[in-house]
Amino acid sequence: MGLVSGVVVFVILWWTVLFAVLPWGNRPPPEPEPGHAPSAPGNPNILRKFAITTAITVVLWALVFGIVESGLISFREIAEGIQRGI
């Protein structure tokens, strides 16, 4: 996996994991401020969620990198098979 491919895979994984992590621990305040949505979280802890997202993504990216580099799944062979109509 090249540098650009690795970065693209990391960014896609990061955004996917972020959307999975965002709802964790969100609770609306007992009495929302005027003008705020009643379902808006009182304290979203966004920096903590970014850190958790990054940690999970690093593990997932390492797993994907290991699979690709080991040749367990050869994307080149899959692409060549598609081109040949197999």
N, C-alpha and C. Protein backbone atom coordinates (compact mmCIF):
# COMPACT_ATOMS: atom_id res chain seq x y z
N MET A 1 0.86 -1.16 0.00
CA MET A 1 0.00 0.00 0.00
C MET A 1 0.91 1.22 0.00
N GLY A 2 0.67 2.10 -0.96
CA GLY A 2 1.47 3.31 -1.05
C GLY A 2 1.03 4.35 -0.03
N LEU A 3 1.78 5.45 0.02
CA LEU A 3 1.51 6.52 0.97
C LEU A 3 0.12 7.13 0.74
N VAL A 4 -0.18 7.48 -0.48
CA VAL A 4 -1.46 8.11 -0.78
C VAL A 4 -2.61 7.14 -0.50
N SER A 5 -2.47 5.89 -0.89
CA SER A 5 -3.50 4.89 -0.62
C SER A 5 -3.72 4.73 0.88
N GLY A 6 -2.63 4.69 1.63
CA GLY A 6 -2.73 4.55 3.08
C GLY A 6 -3.45 5.72 3.73
N VAL A 7 -3.14 6.94 3.26
CA VAL A 7 -3.80 8.13 3.81
C VAL A 7 -5.28 8.13 3.45
N VAL A 8 -5.61 7.77 2.22
CA VAL A 8 -7.02 7.73 1.81
C VAL A 8 -7.79 6.70 2.64
N VAL A 9 -7.23 5.53 2.84
CA VAL A 9 -7.89 4.50 3.64
C VAL A 9 -8.06 4.99 5.08
N PHE A 10 -7.04 5.66 5.62
CA PHE A 10 -7.13 6.18 6.99
C PHE A 10 -8.25 7.21 7.11
N VAL A 11 -8.33 8.14 6.17
CA VAL A 11 -9.35 9.19 6.23
C VAL A 11 -10.75 8.58 6.12
N ILE A 12 -10.94 7.65 5.22
CA ILE A 12 -12.25 7.01 5.07
C ILE A 12 -12.62 6.26 6.34
N LEU A 13 -11.68 5.51 6.89
CA LEU A 13 -11.95 4.80 8.14
C LEU A 13 -12.25 5.77 9.28
N TRP A 14 -11.48 6.88 9.36
CA TRP A 14 -11.65 7.85 10.44
C TRP A 14 -13.06 8.44 10.43
N TRP A 15 -13.53 8.85 9.26
CA TRP A 15 -14.87 9.44 9.18
C TRP A 15 -15.95 8.40 9.49
N THR A 16 -15.76 7.18 9.02
CA THR A 16 -16.74 6.13 9.31
C THR A 16 -16.81 5.85 10.80
N VAL A 17 -15.66 5.75 11.44
CA VAL A 17 -15.62 5.49 12.88
C VAL A 17 -16.18 6.69 13.65
N LEU A 18 -15.89 7.91 13.18
CA LEU A 18 -16.42 9.10 13.86
C LEU A 18 -17.93 9.06 13.93
N PHE A 19 -18.59 8.72 12.83
CA PHE A 19 -20.04 8.69 12.83
C PHE A 19 -20.58 7.58 13.73
N ALA A 20 -19.79 6.54 13.96
CA ALA A 20 -20.21 5.50 14.89
C ALA A 20 -20.00 5.94 16.34
N VAL A 21 -18.98 6.76 16.60
CA VAL A 21 -18.63 7.17 17.96
C VAL A 21 -19.43 8.39 18.42
N LEU A 22 -19.85 9.24 17.53
CA LEU A 22 -20.53 10.48 17.92
C LEU A 22 -21.70 10.30 18.88
N PRO A 23 -22.56 9.31 18.72
CA PRO A 23 -23.69 9.21 19.64
C PRO A 23 -23.34 8.69 21.04
N TRP A 24 -22.15 8.18 21.25
CA TRP A 24 -21.79 7.59 22.54
C TRP A 24 -21.90 8.61 23.66
N GLY A 25 -22.67 8.30 24.67
CA GLY A 25 -22.73 9.11 25.88
C GLY A 25 -23.48 10.43 25.75
N ASN A 26 -24.18 10.66 24.67
CA ASN A 26 -24.92 11.90 24.52
C ASN A 26 -26.21 11.84 25.31
N ARG A 27 -26.38 12.84 26.17
CA ARG A 27 -27.61 12.96 26.94
C ARG A 27 -28.05 14.41 26.89
N PRO A 28 -29.33 14.63 26.62
CA PRO A 28 -29.80 16.02 26.61
C PRO A 28 -29.85 16.56 28.04
N PRO A 29 -29.67 17.87 28.18
CA PRO A 29 -29.76 18.45 29.53
C PRO A 29 -31.20 18.36 30.04
N PRO A 30 -31.37 18.32 31.36
CA PRO A 30 -32.73 18.22 31.91
C PRO A 30 -33.62 19.39 31.48
N GLU A 31 -33.04 20.58 31.45
CA GLU A 31 -33.79 21.76 31.01
C GLU A 31 -32.96 22.50 29.97
N PRO A 32 -33.27 22.32 28.68
CA PRO A 32 -32.47 22.98 27.63
C PRO A 32 -32.65 24.50 27.67
N GLU A 33 -31.60 25.19 27.24
CA GLU A 33 -31.66 26.65 27.18
C GLU A 33 -32.63 27.07 26.09
N PRO A 34 -33.22 28.23 26.24
CA PRO A 34 -34.14 28.70 25.20
C PRO A 34 -33.41 28.83 23.85
N GLY A 35 -34.06 28.34 22.81
CA GLY A 35 -33.47 28.40 21.48
C GLY A 35 -32.69 27.16 21.10
N HIS A 36 -32.41 26.28 22.06
CA HIS A 36 -31.68 25.04 21.77
C HIS A 36 -32.68 23.92 21.54
N ALA A 37 -32.31 22.99 20.71
CA ALA A 37 -33.16 21.82 20.48
C ALA A 37 -33.22 21.00 21.76
N PRO A 38 -34.38 20.49 22.11
CA PRO A 38 -34.48 19.69 23.34
C PRO A 38 -33.63 18.42 23.30
N SER A 39 -33.32 17.93 22.11
CA SER A 39 -32.53 16.70 22.00
C SER A 39 -31.03 16.96 21.88
N ALA A 40 -30.60 18.22 21.85
CA ALA A 40 -29.17 18.54 21.73
C ALA A 40 -28.43 18.11 22.99
N PRO A 41 -27.25 17.49 22.83
CA PRO A 41 -26.52 17.04 24.01
C PRO A 41 -26.03 18.21 24.85
N GLY A 42 -26.05 18.01 26.16
CA GLY A 42 -25.59 19.05 27.06
C GLY A 42 -24.08 19.23 26.98
N ASN A 43 -23.34 18.14 26.95
CA ASN A 43 -21.88 18.18 26.86
C ASN A 43 -21.45 17.10 25.85
N PRO A 44 -21.19 17.48 24.59
CA PRO A 44 -20.91 16.46 23.57
C PRO A 44 -19.53 15.81 23.68
N ASN A 45 -18.58 16.38 24.46
CA ASN A 45 -17.23 15.80 24.60
C ASN A 45 -16.59 15.52 23.25
N ILE A 46 -16.62 16.48 22.35
CA ILE A 46 -16.18 16.24 20.97
C ILE A 46 -14.69 15.94 20.87
N LEU A 47 -13.85 16.60 21.66
CA LEU A 47 -12.41 16.32 21.59
C LEU A 47 -12.10 14.90 22.07
N ARG A 48 -12.81 14.45 23.09
CA ARG A 48 -12.62 13.08 23.58
C ARG A 48 -13.05 12.09 22.51
N LYS A 49 -14.14 12.39 21.82
CA LYS A 49 -14.62 11.50 20.77
C LYS A 49 -13.66 11.49 19.58
N PHE A 50 -13.03 12.63 19.28
CA PHE A 50 -12.01 12.66 18.23
C PHE A 50 -10.83 11.78 18.61
N ALA A 51 -10.43 11.81 19.87
CA ALA A 51 -9.30 10.99 20.33
C ALA A 51 -9.66 9.51 20.27
N ILE A 52 -10.86 9.16 20.70
CA ILE A 52 -11.30 7.76 20.65
C ILE A 52 -11.38 7.29 19.19
N THR A 53 -11.92 8.16 18.33
CA THR A 53 -12.02 7.83 16.91
C THR A 53 -10.65 7.57 16.31
N THR A 54 -9.69 8.43 16.64
CA THR A 54 -8.34 8.27 16.10
C THR A 54 -7.70 6.98 16.59
N ALA A 55 -7.88 6.65 17.86
CA ALA A 55 -7.30 5.42 18.41
C ALA A 55 -7.89 4.19 17.73
N ILE A 56 -9.21 4.16 17.59
CA ILE A 56 -9.85 3.02 16.93
C ILE A 56 -9.41 2.92 15.48
N THR A 57 -9.31 4.07 14.80
CA THR A 57 -8.92 4.08 13.40
C THR A 57 -7.50 3.59 13.20
N VAL A 58 -6.60 3.94 14.11
CA VAL A 58 -5.21 3.47 13.99
C VAL A 58 -5.17 1.94 14.05
N VAL A 59 -5.95 1.35 14.95
CA VAL A 59 -5.99 -0.11 15.06
C VAL A 59 -6.58 -0.73 13.79
N LEU A 60 -7.70 -0.17 13.32
CA LEU A 60 -8.33 -0.70 12.10
C LEU A 60 -7.42 -0.53 10.89
N TRP A 61 -6.76 0.63 10.78
CA TRP A 61 -5.87 0.87 9.65
C TRP A 61 -4.70 -0.11 9.68
N ALA A 62 -4.16 -0.37 10.86
CA ALA A 62 -3.05 -1.33 10.97
C ALA A 62 -3.51 -2.72 10.53
N LEU A 63 -4.74 -3.08 10.87
CA LEU A 63 -5.30 -4.36 10.46
C LEU A 63 -5.44 -4.42 8.93
N VAL A 64 -5.99 -3.37 8.34
CA VAL A 64 -6.13 -3.32 6.87
C VAL A 64 -4.76 -3.34 6.21
N PHE A 65 -3.83 -2.57 6.72
CA PHE A 65 -2.48 -2.53 6.17
C PHE A 65 -1.83 -3.91 6.22
N GLY A 66 -1.98 -4.58 7.35
CA GLY A 66 -1.40 -5.92 7.49
C GLY A 66 -2.00 -6.90 6.50
N ILE A 67 -3.31 -6.83 6.31
CA ILE A 67 -3.97 -7.74 5.37
C ILE A 67 -3.50 -7.47 3.95
N VAL A 68 -3.44 -6.20 3.57
CA VAL A 68 -3.04 -5.84 2.20
C VAL A 68 -1.57 -6.20 1.96
N GLU A 69 -0.70 -5.87 2.89
CA GLU A 69 0.73 -6.12 2.70
C GLU A 69 1.09 -7.60 2.78
N SER A 70 0.32 -8.39 3.53
CA SER A 70 0.64 -9.82 3.64
C SER A 70 0.25 -10.59 2.38
N GLY A 71 -0.62 -9.99 1.57
CA GLY A 71 -1.06 -10.68 0.36
C GLY A 71 -2.22 -11.62 0.63
N LEU A 72 -2.75 -11.60 1.86
CA LEU A 72 -3.90 -12.44 2.20
C LEU A 72 -5.05 -12.15 1.25
N ILE A 73 -5.26 -10.88 0.96
CA ILE A 73 -6.23 -10.46 -0.05
C ILE A 73 -5.44 -9.65 -1.08
N SER A 74 -5.41 -10.11 -2.29
CA SER A 74 -4.67 -9.41 -3.34
C SER A 74 -5.65 -8.63 -4.22
N PHE A 75 -5.65 -7.33 -4.01
CA PHE A 75 -6.55 -6.50 -4.79
C PHE A 75 -6.14 -6.44 -6.26
N ARG A 76 -4.87 -6.62 -6.52
CA ARG A 76 -4.40 -6.65 -7.92
C ARG A 76 -4.97 -7.86 -8.64
N GLU A 77 -4.96 -9.02 -7.99
CA GLU A 77 -5.52 -10.22 -8.61
C GLU A 77 -7.03 -10.08 -8.81
N ILE A 78 -7.71 -9.48 -7.86
CA ILE A 78 -9.15 -9.26 -7.99
C ILE A 78 -9.43 -8.35 -9.18
N ALA A 79 -8.65 -7.26 -9.30
CA ALA A 79 -8.84 -6.33 -10.41
C ALA A 79 -8.53 -7.00 -11.75
N GLU A 80 -7.47 -7.81 -11.81
CA GLU A 80 -7.13 -8.50 -13.06
C GLU A 80 -8.23 -9.50 -13.42
N GLY A 81 -8.81 -10.17 -12.43
CA GLY A 81 -9.90 -11.10 -12.69
C GLY A 81 -11.12 -10.40 -13.22
N ILE A 82 -11.39 -9.21 -12.71
CA ILE A 82 -12.53 -8.44 -13.19
C ILE A 82 -12.29 -8.02 -14.64
N GLN A 83 -11.07 -7.61 -14.97
CA GLN A 83 -10.75 -7.19 -16.33
C GLN A 83 -10.89 -8.35 -17.30
N ARG A 84 -10.53 -9.55 -16.86
CA ARG A 84 -10.62 -10.73 -17.73
C ARG A 84 -12.03 -11.28 -17.80
N GLY A 85 -12.91 -10.75 -16.97
CA GLY A 85 -14.30 -11.22 -16.99
C GLY A 85 -14.54 -12.45 -16.16
N ILE A 86 -13.67 -12.72 -15.21
CA ILE A 86 -13.83 -13.90 -14.35
C ILE A 86 -14.72 -13.55 -13.17
